[in-house]
Amino acid sequence: MKLTEQQRACLEALDTLTHPDGERCAPFLPIQNMTNYDRRLVRVTVRQLKRKGLAEYHRGLVNEMSDEFAGAGYCITKEGRVLQERRSEQLAAKRNTAQDPRWD
């Protein structure tokens, strides 16, 4: 699946901050902090990821620590996590090939 640079960055942030199936979600602010993108760009990009099936929206969230209402947020989907794992494996393979002395 082809992703833009912004989509890759936001998906990486969701992978770090959240868990699939609404187990742990994040509002836009932590994603903004991780990507250094403004709120509008994060909002548009995360919604694009949702349409691609890589993120999902949940509302009526509860804070685990205080059991208080926490609003709404987005989380990575299982498909999004699989895509991130594949990307990490591909990057590791590229690094290993680049560092392999047989390629010098």
C-alpha atoms as a PDB file:
ATOM      1  CA  MET A   1       0.000   0.000   0.000  1.00  0.00           C
ATOM      2  CA  LYS A   2       1.363   3.370  -0.985  1.00  0.00           C
ATOM      3  CA  LEU A   3       1.486   6.000   1.767  1.00  0.00           C
ATOM      4  CA  THR A   4       2.572   9.627   1.739  1.00  0.00           C
ATOM      5  CA  GLU A   5       5.347  10.826   4.033  1.00  0.00           C
ATOM      6  CA  GLN A   6       2.731  12.398   6.332  1.00  0.00           C
ATOM      7  CA  GLN A   7       0.693   9.182   6.426  1.00  0.00           C
ATOM      8  CA  ARG A   8       3.797   7.141   7.290  1.00  0.00           C
ATOM      9  CA  ALA A   9       4.713   9.558  10.098  1.00  0.00           C
ATOM     10  CA  CYS A  10       1.199   9.566  11.580  1.00  0.00           C
ATOM     11  CA  LEU A  11       0.914   5.785  11.291  1.00  0.00           C
ATOM     12  CA  GLU A  12       4.236   5.427  13.096  1.00  0.00           C
ATOM     13  CA  ALA A  13       2.950   7.729  15.858  1.00  0.00           C
ATOM     14  CA  LEU A  14      -0.265   5.694  16.153  1.00  0.00           C
ATOM     15  CA  ASP A  15       1.800   2.504  16.309  1.00  0.00           C
ATOM     16  CA  THR A  16       3.818   3.936  19.200  1.00  0.00           C
ATOM     17  CA  LEU A  17       0.937   5.551  21.087  1.00  0.00           C
ATOM     18  CA  THR A  18      -1.990   3.155  20.622  1.00  0.00           C
ATOM     19  CA  HIS A  19      -3.241  -0.434  20.508  1.00  0.00           C
ATOM     20  CA  PRO A  20      -5.757  -1.934  18.060  1.00  0.00           C
ATOM     21  CA  ASP A  21      -9.469  -2.377  18.746  1.00  0.00           C
ATOM     22  CA  GLY A  22      -9.761   0.741  20.901  1.00  0.00           C
ATOM     23  CA  GLU A  23      -7.723  -0.797  23.702  1.00  0.00           C
ATOM     24  CA  ARG A  24      -5.639   2.397  23.798  1.00  0.00           C
ATOM     25  CA  CYS A  25      -6.427   5.454  21.678  1.00  0.00           C
ATOM     26  CA  ALA A  26      -4.865   8.870  21.250  1.00  0.00           C
ATOM     27  CA  PRO A  27      -6.299  12.304  20.456  1.00  0.00           C
ATOM     28  CA  PHE A  28      -4.571  14.506  17.901  1.00  0.00           C
ATOM     29  CA  LEU A  29      -2.263  16.358  20.317  1.00  0.00           C
ATOM     30  CA  PRO A  30       0.158  13.473  21.079  1.00  0.00           C
ATOM     31  CA  ILE A  31       0.309  12.687  17.357  1.00  0.00           C
ATOM     32  CA  GLN A  32       1.080  16.360  16.683  1.00  0.00           C
ATOM     33  CA  ASN A  33       3.851  16.259  19.274  1.00  0.00           C
ATOM     34  CA  MET A  34       5.453  13.144  17.739  1.00  0.00           C
ATOM     35  CA  THR A  35       5.248  14.313  14.119  1.00  0.00           C
ATOM     36  CA  ASN A  36       5.693  18.079  14.567  1.00  0.00           C
ATOM     37  CA  TYR A  37       2.709  18.557  12.229  1.00  0.00           C
ATOM     38  CA  ASP A  38      -0.010  21.099  12.951  1.00  0.00           C
ATOM     39  CA  ARG A  39      -3.453  19.973  14.112  1.00  0.00           C
ATOM     40  CA  ARG A  40      -5.089  20.413  10.715  1.00  0.00           C
ATOM     41  CA  LEU A  41      -2.516  18.238   8.931  1.00  0.00           C
ATOM     42  CA  VAL A  42      -2.714  15.538  11.618  1.00  0.00           C
ATOM     43  CA  ARG A  43      -6.515  15.542  11.481  1.00  0.00           C
ATOM     44  CA  VAL A  44      -6.610  15.217   7.683  1.00  0.00           C
ATOM     45  CA  THR A  45      -3.861  12.597   7.598  1.00  0.00           C
ATOM     46  CA  VAL A  46      -5.263  10.382  10.362  1.00  0.00           C
ATOM     47  CA  ARG A  47      -8.663  10.465   8.678  1.00  0.00           C
ATOM     48  CA  GLN A  48      -6.986   9.353   5.443  1.00  0.00           C
ATOM     49  CA  LEU A  49      -5.440   6.450   7.358  1.00  0.00           C
ATOM     50  CA  LYS A  50      -8.895   5.596   8.686  1.00  0.00           C
ATOM     51  CA  ARG A  51     -10.311   5.452   5.155  1.00  0.00           C
ATOM     52  CA  LYS A  52      -7.462   3.113   4.181  1.00  0.00           C
ATOM     53  CA  GLY A  53      -8.303   0.815   7.116  1.00  0.00           C
ATOM     54  CA  LEU A  54      -5.064   1.553   8.998  1.00  0.00           C
ATOM     55  CA  ALA A  55      -6.604   3.613  11.823  1.00  0.00           C
ATOM     56  CA  GLU A  56      -9.938   3.606  13.607  1.00  0.00           C
ATOM     57  CA  TYR A  57     -11.919   6.173  15.573  1.00  0.00           C
ATOM     58  CA  HIS A  58     -13.352   5.542  19.046  1.00  0.00           C
ATOM     59  CA  ARG A  59     -15.472   7.814  21.230  1.00  0.00           C
ATOM     60  CA  GLY A  60     -16.620   7.551  24.808  1.00  0.00           C
ATOM     61  CA  LEU A  61     -13.130   6.620  25.969  1.00  0.00           C
ATOM     62  CA  VAL A  62     -12.349   6.241  29.653  1.00  0.00           C
ATOM     63  CA  ASN A  63      -9.058   7.155  31.319  1.00  0.00           C
ATOM     64  CA  GLU A  64      -7.536   3.942  32.711  1.00  0.00           C
ATOM     65  CA  MET A  65      -5.972   5.734  35.674  1.00  0.00           C
ATOM     66  CA  SER A  66      -8.930   7.766  36.908  1.00  0.00           C
ATOM     67  CA  ASP A  67     -11.939   6.030  35.305  1.00  0.00           C
ATOM     68  CA  GLU A  68     -13.030   9.469  34.070  1.00  0.00           C
ATOM     69  CA  PHE A  69     -14.424  10.244  30.638  1.00  0.00           C
ATOM     70  CA  ALA A  70     -11.520  10.923  28.261  1.00  0.00           C
ATOM     71  CA  GLY A  71     -13.290  11.932  25.042  1.00  0.00           C
ATOM     72  CA  ALA A  72     -12.456  10.418  21.682  1.00  0.00           C
ATOM     73  CA  GLY A  73      -9.381   9.388  19.751  1.00  0.00           C
ATOM     74  CA  TYR A  74      -7.840   7.227  17.080  1.00  0.00           C
ATOM     75  CA  CYS A  75      -5.892   3.992  17.277  1.00  0.00           C
ATOM     76  CA  ILE A  76      -3.953   1.845  14.862  1.00  0.00           C
ATOM     77  CA  THR A  77      -5.765  -1.167  13.408  1.00  0.00           C
ATOM     78  CA  LYS A  78      -4.364  -4.685  13.234  1.00  0.00           C
ATOM     79  CA  GLU A  79      -3.797  -4.082   9.519  1.00  0.00           C
ATOM     80  CA  GLY A  80      -1.913  -0.887  10.317  1.00  0.00           C
ATOM     81  CA  ARG A  81       0.273  -2.701  12.809  1.00  0.00           C
ATOM     82  CA  VAL A  82       1.063  -5.446  10.257  1.00  0.00           C
ATOM     83  CA  LEU A  83       2.026  -2.782   7.704  1.00  0.00           C
ATOM     84  CA  GLN A  84       4.311  -1.109  10.251  1.00  0.00           C
ATOM     85  CA  GLU A  85       5.972  -4.431  11.111  1.00  0.00           C
ATOM     86  CA  ARG A  86       6.596  -5.152   7.412  1.00  0.00           C
ATOM     87  CA  ARG A  87       8.068  -1.694   6.933  1.00  0.00           C
ATOM     88  CA  SER A  88      10.369  -2.163   9.938  1.00  0.00           C
ATOM     89  CA  GLU A  89      11.560  -5.507   8.569  1.00  0.00           C
ATOM     90  CA  GLN A  90      12.233  -3.964   5.151  1.00  0.00           C
ATOM     91  CA  LEU A  91      14.210  -1.095   6.674  1.00  0.00           C
ATOM     92  CA  ALA A  92      16.245  -3.520   8.800  1.00  0.00           C
ATOM     93  CA  ALA A  93      16.999  -5.647   5.748  1.00  0.00           C
ATOM     94  CA  LYS A  94      18.165  -2.562   3.827  1.00  0.00           C
ATOM     95  CA  ARG A  95      20.419  -1.542   6.713  1.00  0.00           C
ATOM     96  CA  ASN A  96      21.893  -5.038   6.955  1.00  0.00           C
ATOM     97  CA  THR A  97      22.564  -5.117   3.215  1.00  0.00           C
ATOM     98  CA  ALA A  98      24.191  -1.689   3.351  1.00  0.00           C
ATOM     99  CA  GLN A  99      26.438  -2.785   6.237  1.00  0.00           C
ATOM    100  CA  ASP A 100      27.291  -6.220   4.810  1.00  0.00           C
ATOM    101  CA  PRO A 101      31.045  -6.210   3.964  1.00  0.00           C
ATOM    102  CA  ARG A 102      30.380  -8.528   1.011  1.00  0.00           C
ATOM    103  CA  TRP A 103      28.754  -5.560  -0.757  1.00  0.00           C
ATOM    104  CA  ASP A 104      31.873  -3.364  -0.551  1.00  0.00           C
END
